[in-house]
Amino acid sequence: MDSNRNEISKLLKERTELLFRLNVEYGKGKGETQEAKDILYKKNSISKKIKKLGGYFNDISEELFNEVKKDFLDKTLEKIDRDIAEQISYNQLGIPSNLTSAK
């Protein structure tokens, strides 16, 4: 039973992260994209696995939900930081131009 509980917990975390990703995808205002469809498919597949193991997909604890939310936000902020860094030229970052000439 403990192994089922651990597996259900893992699946709940994965499913919750997919819900966050789905909300971001819908928030882009592009309608139902292929990415959104893929996320929905994965989410529904995980929900079925959770039910099969005897769990309920809306049975996530507040602690687990907050953990997933924090991880998701941290990953999202890291991605935003990387994207911004790629878009800003080296000179705008304050790196001397003699160090950027090799780029």
PDB file of N, CA and C in Angstrom:
ATOM      1  N   MET A   1       0.814  -1.196   0.000  1.00  0.00           N
ATOM      2  CA  MET A   1       0.000   0.000   0.000  1.00  0.00           C
ATOM      3  C   MET A   1       0.859   1.262   0.000  1.00  0.00           C
ATOM      4  N   ASP A   2       2.004   1.205   0.736  1.00  0.00           N
ATOM      5  CA  ASP A   2       2.894   2.362   0.759  1.00  0.00           C
ATOM      6  C   ASP A   2       3.444   2.681  -0.623  1.00  0.00           C
ATOM      7  N   SER A   3       3.746   1.615  -1.396  1.00  0.00           N
ATOM      8  CA  SER A   3       4.270   1.855  -2.743  1.00  0.00           C
ATOM      9  C   SER A   3       3.206   2.515  -3.612  1.00  0.00           C
ATOM     10  N   ASN A   4       1.941   2.104  -3.441  1.00  0.00           N
ATOM     11  CA  ASN A   4       0.855   2.764  -4.175  1.00  0.00           C
ATOM     12  C   ASN A   4       0.744   4.226  -3.774  1.00  0.00           C
ATOM     13  N   ARG A   5       0.833   4.491  -2.474  1.00  0.00           N
ATOM     14  CA  ARG A   5       0.722   5.859  -1.984  1.00  0.00           C
ATOM     15  C   ARG A   5       1.856   6.729  -2.533  1.00  0.00           C
ATOM     16  N   ASN A   6       3.068   6.171  -2.552  1.00  0.00           N
ATOM     17  CA  ASN A   6       4.210   6.910  -3.099  1.00  0.00           C
ATOM     18  C   ASN A   6       4.021   7.176  -4.591  1.00  0.00           C
ATOM     19  N   GLU A   7       3.546   6.166  -5.301  1.00  0.00           N
ATOM     20  CA  GLU A   7       3.314   6.323  -6.744  1.00  0.00           C
ATOM     21  C   GLU A   7       2.202   7.338  -6.999  1.00  0.00           C
ATOM     22  N   ILE A   8       1.137   7.282  -6.209  1.00  0.00           N
ATOM     23  CA  ILE A   8       0.035   8.240  -6.359  1.00  0.00           C
ATOM     24  C   ILE A   8       0.539   9.654  -6.095  1.00  0.00           C
ATOM     25  N   SER A   9       1.353   9.811  -5.069  1.00  0.00           N
ATOM     26  CA  SER A   9       1.909  11.127  -4.736  1.00  0.00           C
ATOM     27  C   SER A   9       2.748  11.668  -5.890  1.00  0.00           C
ATOM     28  N   LYS A  10       3.580  10.790  -6.450  1.00  0.00           N
ATOM     29  CA  LYS A  10       4.413  11.189  -7.593  1.00  0.00           C
ATOM     30  C   LYS A  10       3.536  11.602  -8.781  1.00  0.00           C
ATOM     31  N   LEU A  11       2.506  10.825  -9.047  1.00  0.00           N
ATOM     32  CA  LEU A  11       1.605  11.129 -10.162  1.00  0.00           C
ATOM     33  C   LEU A  11       0.816  12.414  -9.910  1.00  0.00           C
ATOM     34  N   LEU A  12       0.411  12.640  -8.661  1.00  0.00           N
ATOM     35  CA  LEU A  12      -0.301  13.879  -8.330  1.00  0.00           C
ATOM     36  C   LEU A  12       0.581  15.101  -8.575  1.00  0.00           C
ATOM     37  N   LYS A  13       1.856  14.978  -8.214  1.00  0.00           N
ATOM     38  CA  LYS A  13       2.791  16.082  -8.462  1.00  0.00           C
ATOM     39  C   LYS A  13       2.905  16.354  -9.961  1.00  0.00           C
ATOM     40  N   GLU A  14       3.082  15.287 -10.727  1.00  0.00           N
ATOM     41  CA  GLU A  14       3.226  15.428 -12.177  1.00  0.00           C
ATOM     42  C   GLU A  14       1.964  16.026 -12.796  1.00  0.00           C
ATOM     43  N   ARG A  15       0.807  15.548 -12.349  1.00  0.00           N
ATOM     44  CA  ARG A  15      -0.468  16.037 -12.877  1.00  0.00           C
ATOM     45  C   ARG A  15      -0.669  17.518 -12.538  1.00  0.00           C
ATOM     46  N   THR A  16      -0.301  17.906 -11.326  1.00  0.00           N
ATOM     47  CA  THR A  16      -0.461  19.299 -10.910  1.00  0.00           C
ATOM     48  C   THR A  16       0.452  20.209 -11.720  1.00  0.00           C
ATOM     49  N   GLU A  17       1.678  19.769 -11.965  1.00  0.00           N
ATOM     50  CA  GLU A  17       2.573  20.578 -12.801  1.00  0.00           C
ATOM     51  C   GLU A  17       1.994  20.731 -14.209  1.00  0.00           C
ATOM     52  N   LEU A  18       1.406  19.675 -14.728  1.00  0.00           N
ATOM     53  CA  LEU A  18       0.778  19.762 -16.049  1.00  0.00           C
ATOM     54  C   LEU A  18      -0.370  20.771 -16.045  1.00  0.00           C
ATOM     55  N   LEU A  19      -1.113  20.834 -14.949  1.00  0.00           N
ATOM     56  CA  LEU A  19      -2.194  21.826 -14.851  1.00  0.00           C
ATOM     57  C   LEU A  19      -1.638  23.247 -14.885  1.00  0.00           C
ATOM     58  N   PHE A  20      -0.516  23.473 -14.199  1.00  0.00           N
ATOM     59  CA  PHE A  20       0.120  24.791 -14.254  1.00  0.00           C
ATOM     60  C   PHE A  20       0.560  25.109 -15.680  1.00  0.00           C
ATOM     61  N   ARG A  21       1.202  24.130 -16.329  1.00  0.00           N
ATOM     62  CA  ARG A  21       1.647  24.337 -17.715  1.00  0.00           C
ATOM     63  C   ARG A  21       0.471  24.608 -18.637  1.00  0.00           C
ATOM     64  N   LEU A  22      -0.631  23.901 -18.418  1.00  0.00           N
ATOM     65  CA  LEU A  22      -1.823  24.088 -19.237  1.00  0.00           C
ATOM     66  C   LEU A  22      -2.380  25.503 -19.068  1.00  0.00           C
ATOM     67  N   ASN A  23      -2.410  25.991 -17.839  1.00  0.00           N
ATOM     68  CA  ASN A  23      -2.879  27.355 -17.599  1.00  0.00           C
ATOM     69  C   ASN A  23      -1.990  28.385 -18.285  1.00  0.00           C
ATOM     70  N   VAL A  24      -0.689  28.156 -18.272  1.00  0.00           N
ATOM     71  CA  VAL A  24       0.232  29.060 -18.968  1.00  0.00           C
ATOM     72  C   VAL A  24      -0.042  29.020 -20.465  1.00  0.00           C
ATOM     73  N   GLU A  25      -0.231  27.829 -20.989  1.00  0.00           N
ATOM     74  CA  GLU A  25      -0.484  27.664 -22.428  1.00  0.00           C
ATOM     75  C   GLU A  25      -1.775  28.368 -22.830  1.00  0.00           C
ATOM     76  N   TYR A  26      -2.835  28.176 -22.046  1.00  0.00           N
ATOM     77  CA  TYR A  26      -4.101  28.855 -22.352  1.00  0.00           C
ATOM     78  C   TYR A  26      -3.976  30.365 -22.170  1.00  0.00           C
ATOM     79  N   GLY A  27      -3.135  30.774 -21.234  1.00  0.00           N
ATOM     80  CA  GLY A  27      -2.931  32.198 -20.977  1.00  0.00           C
ATOM     81  C   GLY A  27      -2.266  32.936 -22.123  1.00  0.00           C
ATOM     82  N   LYS A  28      -1.661  32.197 -23.033  1.00  0.00           N
ATOM     83  CA  LYS A  28      -1.024  32.828 -24.192  1.00  0.00           C
ATOM     84  C   LYS A  28      -2.056  33.364 -25.168  1.00  0.00           C
ATOM     85  N   GLY A  29      -3.308  32.948 -25.007  1.00  0.00           N
ATOM     86  CA  GLY A  29      -4.397  33.460 -25.833  1.00  0.00           C
ATOM     87  C   GLY A  29      -4.393  32.973 -27.269  1.00  0.00           C
ATOM     88  N   LYS A  30      -3.808  31.825 -27.512  1.00  0.00           N
ATOM     89  CA  LYS A  30      -3.740  31.297 -28.877  1.00  0.00           C
ATOM     90  C   LYS A  30      -4.748  30.181 -29.109  1.00  0.00           C
ATOM     91  N   GLY A  31      -5.709  30.056 -28.205  1.00  0.00           N
ATOM     92  CA  GLY A  31      -6.686  28.984 -28.350  1.00  0.00           C
ATOM     93  C   GLY A  31      -6.084  27.658 -27.949  1.00  0.00           C
ATOM     94  N   GLU A  32      -6.686  26.586 -28.410  1.00  0.00           N
ATOM     95  CA  GLU A  32      -6.203  25.256 -28.061  1.00  0.00           C
ATOM     96  C   GLU A  32      -5.111  24.830 -29.037  1.00  0.00           C
ATOM     97  N   THR A  33      -3.881  25.029 -28.621  1.00  0.00           N
ATOM     98  CA  THR A  33      -2.726  24.687 -29.439  1.00  0.00           C
ATOM     99  C   THR A  33      -2.435  23.194 -29.332  1.00  0.00           C
ATOM    100  N   GLN A  34      -1.538  22.733 -30.163  1.00  0.00           N
ATOM    101  CA  GLN A  34      -1.110  21.333 -30.089  1.00  0.00           C
ATOM    102  C   GLN A  34      -0.460  21.062 -28.738  1.00  0.00           C
ATOM    103  N   GLU A  35       0.294  22.035 -28.246  1.00  0.00           N
ATOM    104  CA  GLU A  35       0.928  21.890 -26.930  1.00  0.00           C
ATOM    105  C   GLU A  35      -0.133  21.678 -25.846  1.00  0.00           C
ATOM    106  N   ALA A  36      -1.205  22.468 -25.894  1.00  0.00           N
ATOM    107  CA  ALA A  36      -2.290  22.333 -24.912  1.00  0.00           C
ATOM    108  C   ALA A  36      -2.953  20.961 -25.024  1.00  0.00           C
ATOM    109  N   LYS A  37      -3.161  20.504 -26.241  1.00  0.00           N
ATOM    110  CA  LYS A  37      -3.766  19.180 -26.441  1.00  0.00           C
ATOM    111  C   LYS A  37      -2.874  18.081 -25.877  1.00  0.00           C
ATOM    112  N   ASP A  38      -1.562  18.210 -26.100  1.00  0.00           N
ATOM    113  CA  ASP A  38      -0.613  17.222 -25.579  1.00  0.00           C
ATOM    114  C   ASP A  38      -0.622  17.201 -24.048  1.00  0.00           C
ATOM    115  N   ILE A  39      -0.665  18.387 -23.446  1.00  0.00           N
ATOM    116  CA  ILE A  39      -0.695  18.480 -21.986  1.00  0.00           C
ATOM    117  C   ILE A  39      -1.974  17.844 -21.446  1.00  0.00           C
ATOM    118  N   LEU A  40      -3.108  18.149 -22.076  1.00  0.00           N
ATOM    119  CA  LEU A  40      -4.387  17.562 -21.645  1.00  0.00           C
ATOM    120  C   LEU A  40      -4.363  16.040 -21.739  1.00  0.00           C
ATOM    121  N   TYR A  41      -3.799  15.526 -22.819  1.00  0.00           N
ATOM    122  CA  TYR A  41      -3.709  14.077 -22.999  1.00  0.00           C
ATOM    123  C   TYR A  41      -2.888  13.449 -21.864  1.00  0.00           C
ATOM    124  N   LYS A  42      -1.717  14.049 -21.578  1.00  0.00           N
ATOM    125  CA  LYS A  42      -0.858  13.528 -20.514  1.00  0.00           C
ATOM    126  C   LYS A  42      -1.563  13.603 -19.161  1.00  0.00           C
ATOM    127  N   LYS A  43      -2.222  14.737 -18.904  1.00  0.00           N
ATOM    128  CA  LYS A  43      -2.928  14.933 -17.638  1.00  0.00           C
ATOM    129  C   LYS A  43      -4.014  13.876 -17.452  1.00  0.00           C
ATOM    130  N   ASN A  44      -4.798  13.638 -18.501  1.00  0.00           N
ATOM    131  CA  ASN A  44      -5.872  12.644 -18.422  1.00  0.00           C
ATOM    132  C   ASN A  44      -5.326  11.231 -18.248  1.00  0.00           C
ATOM    133  N   SER A  45      -4.219  10.952 -18.896  1.00  0.00           N
ATOM    134  CA  SER A  45      -3.573   9.647 -18.762  1.00  0.00           C
ATOM    135  C   SER A  45      -3.108   9.431 -17.319  1.00  0.00           C
ATOM    136  N   ILE A  46      -2.538  10.456 -16.731  1.00  0.00           N
ATOM    137  CA  ILE A  46      -2.078  10.364 -15.342  1.00  0.00           C
ATOM    138  C   ILE A  46      -3.271  10.197 -14.401  1.00  0.00           C
ATOM    139  N   SER A  47      -4.353  10.914 -14.674  1.00  0.00           N
ATOM    140  CA  SER A  47      -5.561  10.785 -13.843  1.00  0.00           C
ATOM    141  C   SER A  47      -6.065   9.345 -13.837  1.00  0.00           C
ATOM    142  N   LYS A  48      -6.032   8.695 -14.990  1.00  0.00           N
ATOM    143  CA  LYS A  48      -6.463   7.295 -15.081  1.00  0.00           C
ATOM    144  C   LYS A  48      -5.553   6.386 -14.258  1.00  0.00           C
ATOM    145  N   LYS A  49      -4.236   6.651 -14.314  1.00  0.00           N
ATOM    146  CA  LYS A  49      -3.289   5.846 -13.534  1.00  0.00           C
ATOM    147  C   LYS A  49      -3.554   6.012 -12.036  1.00  0.00           C
ATOM    148  N   ILE A  50      -3.824   7.247 -11.629  1.00  0.00           N
ATOM    149  CA  ILE A  50      -4.095   7.516 -10.213  1.00  0.00           C
ATOM    150  C   ILE A  50      -5.333   6.745  -9.759  1.00  0.00           C
ATOM    151  N   LYS A  51      -6.388   6.792 -10.566  1.00  0.00           N
ATOM    152  CA  LYS A  51      -7.624   6.064 -10.227  1.00  0.00           C
ATOM    153  C   LYS A  51      -7.365   4.562 -10.150  1.00  0.00           C
ATOM    154  N   LYS A  52      -6.571   4.058 -11.090  1.00  0.00           N
ATOM    155  CA  LYS A  52      -6.271   2.627 -11.138  1.00  0.00           C
ATOM    156  C   LYS A  52      -5.527   2.179  -9.878  1.00  0.00           C
ATOM    157  N   LEU A  53      -4.715   3.084  -9.323  1.00  0.00           N
ATOM    158  CA  LEU A  53      -3.968   2.766  -8.104  1.00  0.00           C
ATOM    159  C   LEU A  53      -4.804   2.974  -6.839  1.00  0.00           C
ATOM    160  N   GLY A  54      -6.054   3.409  -7.015  1.00  0.00           N
ATOM    161  CA  GLY A  54      -6.938   3.589  -5.871  1.00  0.00           C
ATOM    162  C   GLY A  54      -6.939   4.983  -5.280  1.00  0.00           C
ATOM    163  N   GLY A  55      -6.367   5.931  -6.003  1.00  0.00           N
ATOM    164  CA  GLY A  55      -6.336   7.308  -5.513  1.00  0.00           C
ATOM    165  C   GLY A  55      -7.339   8.178  -6.231  1.00  0.00           C
ATOM    166  N   TYR A  56      -7.398   9.399  -5.806  1.00  0.00           N
ATOM    167  CA  TYR A  56      -8.270  10.387  -6.440  1.00  0.00           C
ATOM    168  C   TYR A  56      -7.404  11.534  -6.924  1.00  0.00           C
ATOM    169  N   PHE A  57      -7.608  11.935  -8.169  1.00  0.00           N
ATOM    170  CA  PHE A  57      -6.718  12.936  -8.746  1.00  0.00           C
ATOM    171  C   PHE A  57      -6.886  14.322  -8.146  1.00  0.00           C
ATOM    172  N   ASN A  58      -7.936  14.557  -7.383  1.00  0.00           N
ATOM    173  CA  ASN A  58      -8.075  15.858  -6.724  1.00  0.00           C
ATOM    174  C   ASN A  58      -7.764  15.743  -5.234  1.00  0.00           C
ATOM    175  N   ASP A  59      -7.059  14.691  -4.876  1.00  0.00           N
ATOM    176  CA  ASP A  59      -6.735  14.388  -3.483  1.00  0.00           C
ATOM    177  C   ASP A  59      -5.358  14.907  -3.085  1.00  0.00           C
ATOM    178  N   ILE A  60      -4.897  15.967  -3.690  1.00  0.00           N
ATOM    179  CA  ILE A  60      -3.560  16.481  -3.415  1.00  0.00           C
ATOM    180  C   ILE A  60      -3.593  17.349  -2.160  1.00  0.00           C
ATOM    181  N   SER A  61      -2.609  17.150  -1.306  1.00  0.00           N
ATOM    182  CA  SER A  61      -2.539  17.938  -0.074  1.00  0.00           C
ATOM    183  C   SER A  61      -2.075  19.357  -0.401  1.00  0.00           C
ATOM    184  N   GLU A  62      -2.389  20.263   0.495  1.00  0.00           N
ATOM    185  CA  GLU A  62      -1.967  21.657   0.301  1.00  0.00           C
ATOM    186  C   GLU A  62      -0.446  21.749   0.270  1.00  0.00           C
ATOM    187  N   GLU A  63       0.209  20.969   1.116  1.00  0.00           N
ATOM    188  CA  GLU A  63       1.671  20.969   1.169  1.00  0.00           C
ATOM    189  C   GLU A  63       2.270  20.517  -0.163  1.00  0.00           C
ATOM    190  N   LEU A  64       1.748  19.434  -0.704  1.00  0.00           N
ATOM    191  CA  LEU A  64       2.239  18.922  -1.980  1.00  0.00           C
ATOM    192  C   LEU A  64       1.939  19.908  -3.108  1.00  0.00           C
ATOM    193  N   PHE A  65       0.750  20.489  -3.090  1.00  0.00           N
ATOM    194  CA  PHE A  65       0.384  21.485  -4.096  1.00  0.00           C
ATOM    195  C   PHE A  65       1.350  22.665  -4.053  1.00  0.00           C
ATOM    196  N   ASN A  66       1.638  23.166  -2.853  1.00  0.00           N
ATOM    197  CA  ASN A  66       2.546  24.309  -2.720  1.00  0.00           C
ATOM    198  C   ASN A  66       3.963  23.960  -3.151  1.00  0.00           C
ATOM    199  N   GLU A  67       4.386  22.726  -2.895  1.00  0.00           N
ATOM    200  CA  GLU A  67       5.709  22.276  -3.339  1.00  0.00           C
ATOM    201  C   GLU A  67       5.795  22.282  -4.868  1.00  0.00           C
ATOM    202  N   VAL A  68       4.771  21.747  -5.508  1.00  0.00           N
ATOM    203  CA  VAL A  68       4.741  21.710  -6.976  1.00  0.00           C
ATOM    204  C   VAL A  68       4.690  23.131  -7.530  1.00  0.00           C
ATOM    205  N   LYS A  69       3.880  23.981  -6.918  1.00  0.00           N
ATOM    206  CA  LYS A  69       3.761  25.367  -7.374  1.00  0.00           C
ATOM    207  C   LYS A  69       5.105  26.082  -7.280  1.00  0.00           C
ATOM    208  N   LYS A  70       5.809  25.906  -6.156  1.00  0.00           N
ATOM    209  CA  LYS A  70       7.117  26.548  -5.980  1.00  0.00           C
ATOM    210  C   LYS A  70       8.110  26.045  -7.025  1.00  0.00           C
ATOM    211  N   ASP A  71       8.164  24.727  -7.221  1.00  0.00           N
ATOM    212  CA  ASP A  71       9.070  24.163  -8.228  1.00  0.00           C
ATOM    213  C   ASP A  71       8.746  24.694  -9.621  1.00  0.00           C
ATOM    214  N   PHE A  72       7.463  24.744  -9.948  1.00  0.00           N
ATOM    215  CA  PHE A  72       7.040  25.232 -11.262  1.00  0.00           C
ATOM    216  C   PHE A  72       7.439  26.695 -11.445  1.00  0.00           C
ATOM    217  N   LEU A  73       7.189  27.515 -10.438  1.00  0.00           N
ATOM    218  CA  LEU A  73       7.538  28.935 -10.535  1.00  0.00           C
ATOM    219  C   LEU A  73       9.047  29.126 -10.624  1.00  0.00           C
ATOM    220  N   ASP A  74       9.811  28.342  -9.855  1.00  0.00           N
ATOM    221  CA  ASP A  74      11.274  28.431  -9.925  1.00  0.00           C
ATOM    222  C   ASP A  74      11.779  28.082 -11.324  1.00  0.00           C
ATOM    223  N   LYS A  75      11.257  26.989 -11.892  1.00  0.00           N
ATOM    224  CA  LYS A  75      11.659  26.587 -13.250  1.00  0.00           C
ATOM    225  C   LYS A  75      11.277  27.656 -14.271  1.00  0.00           C
ATOM    226  N   THR A  76      10.089  28.222 -14.108  1.00  0.00           N
ATOM    227  CA  THR A  76       9.616  29.246 -15.037  1.00  0.00           C
ATOM    228  C   THR A  76      10.487  30.489 -14.956  1.00  0.00           C
ATOM    229  N   LEU A  77      10.836  30.915 -13.745  1.00  0.00           N
ATOM    230  CA  LEU A  77      11.696  32.090 -13.585  1.00  0.00           C
ATOM    231  C   LEU A  77      13.091  31.842 -14.155  1.00  0.00           C
ATOM    232  N   GLU A  78      13.622  30.638 -13.957  1.00  0.00           N
ATOM    233  CA  GLU A  78      14.924  30.299 -14.538  1.00  0.00           C
ATOM    234  C   GLU A  78      14.872  30.379 -16.060  1.00  0.00           C
ATOM    235  N   LYS A  79      13.800  29.880 -16.642  1.00  0.00           N
ATOM    236  CA  LYS A  79      13.649  29.930 -18.098  1.00  0.00           C
ATOM    237  C   LYS A  79      13.543  31.372 -18.575  1.00  0.00           C
ATOM    238  N   ILE A  80      12.793  32.192 -17.866  1.00  0.00           N
ATOM    239  CA  ILE A  80      12.664  33.607 -18.234  1.00  0.00           C
ATOM    240  C   ILE A  80      14.022  34.288 -18.146  1.00  0.00           C
ATOM    241  N   ASP A  81      14.775  34.014 -17.074  1.00  0.00           N
ATOM    242  CA  ASP A  81      16.114  34.593 -16.928  1.00  0.00           C
ATOM    243  C   ASP A  81      17.014  34.198 -18.096  1.00  0.00           C
ATOM    244  N   ARG A  82      16.976  32.922 -18.478  1.00  0.00           N
ATOM    245  CA  ARG A  82      17.803  32.465 -19.611  1.00  0.00           C
ATOM    246  C   ARG A  82      17.379  33.153 -20.903  1.00  0.00           C
ATOM    247  N   ASP A  83      16.062  33.233 -21.125  1.00  0.00           N
ATOM    248  CA  ASP A  83      15.556  33.871 -22.344  1.00  0.00           C
ATOM    249  C   ASP A  83      15.968  35.335 -22.416  1.00  0.00           C
ATOM    250  N   ILE A  84      15.867  36.032 -21.296  1.00  0.00           N
ATOM    251  CA  ILE A  84      16.252  37.450 -21.267  1.00  0.00           C
ATOM    252  C   ILE A  84      17.745  37.587 -21.515  1.00  0.00           C
ATOM    253  N   ALA A  85      18.538  36.748 -20.863  1.00  0.00           N
ATOM    254  CA  ALA A  85      19.993  36.818 -21.036  1.00  0.00           C
ATOM    255  C   ALA A  85      20.389  36.580 -22.488  1.00  0.00           C
ATOM    256  N   GLU A  86      19.679  35.685 -23.177  1.00  0.00           N
ATOM    257  CA  GLU A  86      19.987  35.421 -24.581  1.00  0.00           C
ATOM    258  C   GLU A  86      19.624  36.606 -25.471  1.00  0.00           C
ATOM    259  N   GLN A  87      18.626  37.383 -25.066  1.00  0.00           N
ATOM    260  CA  GLN A  87      18.160  38.490 -25.894  1.00  0.00           C
ATOM    261  C   GLN A  87      18.925  39.782 -25.658  1.00  0.00           C
ATOM    262  N   ILE A  88      19.596  39.891 -24.520  1.00  0.00           N
ATOM    263  CA  ILE A  88      20.335  41.112 -24.211  1.00  0.00           C
ATOM    264  C   ILE A  88      21.756  40.952 -24.732  1.00  0.00           C
ATOM    265  N   SER A  89      22.240  41.965 -25.400  1.00  0.00           N
ATOM    266  CA  SER A  89      23.614  41.878 -25.911  1.00  0.00           C
ATOM    267  C   SER A  89      24.595  41.955 -24.745  1.00  0.00           C
ATOM    268  N   TYR A  90      25.792  41.473 -24.984  1.00  0.00           N
ATOM    269  CA  TYR A  90      26.805  41.479 -23.938  1.00  0.00           C
ATOM    270  C   TYR A  90      27.095  42.890 -23.447  1.00  0.00           C
ATOM    271  N   ASN A  91      27.140  43.859 -24.345  1.00  0.00           N
ATOM    272  CA  ASN A  91      27.421  45.227 -23.928  1.00  0.00           C
ATOM    273  C   ASN A  91      26.353  45.748 -22.983  1.00  0.00           C
ATOM    274  N   GLN A  92      25.113  45.390 -23.195  1.00  0.00           N
ATOM    275  CA  GLN A  92      24.041  45.820 -22.301  1.00  0.00           C
ATOM    276  C   GLN A  92      24.165  45.171 -20.929  1.00  0.00           C
ATOM    277  N   LEU A  93      24.850  44.053 -20.865  1.00  0.00           N
ATOM    278  CA  LEU A  93      25.056  43.392 -19.580  1.00  0.00           C
ATOM    279  C   LEU A  93      26.238  43.986 -18.824  1.00  0.00           C
ATOM    280  N   GLY A  94      26.938  44.924 -19.445  1.00  0.00           N
ATOM    281  CA  GLY A  94      28.068  45.546 -18.789  1.00  0.00           C
ATOM    282  C   GLY A  94      29.368  44.793 -18.965  1.00  0.00           C
ATOM    283  N   ILE A  95      29.408  43.874 -19.899  1.00  0.00           N
ATOM    284  CA  ILE A  95      30.638  43.134 -20.165  1.00  0.00           C
ATOM    285  C   ILE A  95      31.461  43.957 -21.150  1.00  0.00           C
ATOM    286  N   PRO A  96      32.732  44.169 -20.842  1.00  0.00           N
ATOM    287  CA  PRO A  96      33.571  44.966 -21.745  1.00  0.00           C
ATOM    288  C   PRO A  96      33.551  44.415 -23.167  1.00  0.00           C
ATOM    289  N   SER A  97      33.518  45.310 -24.133  1.00  0.00           N
ATOM    290  CA  SER A  97      33.403  44.899 -25.531  1.00  0.00           C
ATOM    291  C   SER A  97      34.579  44.039 -25.984  1.00  0.00           C
ATOM    292  N   ASN A  98      35.755  44.198 -25.380  1.00  0.00           N
ATOM    293  CA  ASN A  98      36.890  43.368 -25.789  1.00  0.00           C
ATOM    294  C   ASN A  98      36.671  41.897 -25.426  1.00  0.00           C
ATOM    295  N   LEU A  99      35.772  41.630 -24.495  1.00  0.00           N
ATOM    296  CA  LEU A  99      35.465  40.240 -24.144  1.00  0.00           C
ATOM    297  C   LEU A  99      34.377  39.661 -25.033  1.00  0.00           C
ATOM    298  N   THR A 100      33.649  40.529 -25.728  1.00  0.00           N
ATOM    299  CA  THR A 100      32.550  40.051 -26.567  1.00  0.00           C
ATOM    300  C   THR A 100      32.949  39.919 -28.026  1.00  0.00           C
ATOM    301  N   SER A 101      34.132  40.355 -28.380  1.00  0.00           N
ATOM    302  CA  SER A 101      34.524  40.327 -29.789  1.00  0.00           C
ATOM    303  C   SER A 101      34.679  38.903 -30.316  1.00  0.00           C
ATOM    304  N   ALA A 102      34.919  37.945 -29.443  1.00  0.00           N
ATOM    305  CA  ALA A 102      35.067  36.552 -29.874  1.00  0.00           C
ATOM    306  C   ALA A 102      33.726  35.908 -30.170  1.00  0.00           C
ATOM    307  N   LYS A 103      32.660  36.537 -29.777  1.00  0.00           N
ATOM    308  CA  LYS A 103      31.325  35.978 -29.991  1.00  0.00           C
ATOM    309  C   LYS A 103      30.963  35.964 -31.405  1.00  0.00           C
TER     310      LYS A 103
END
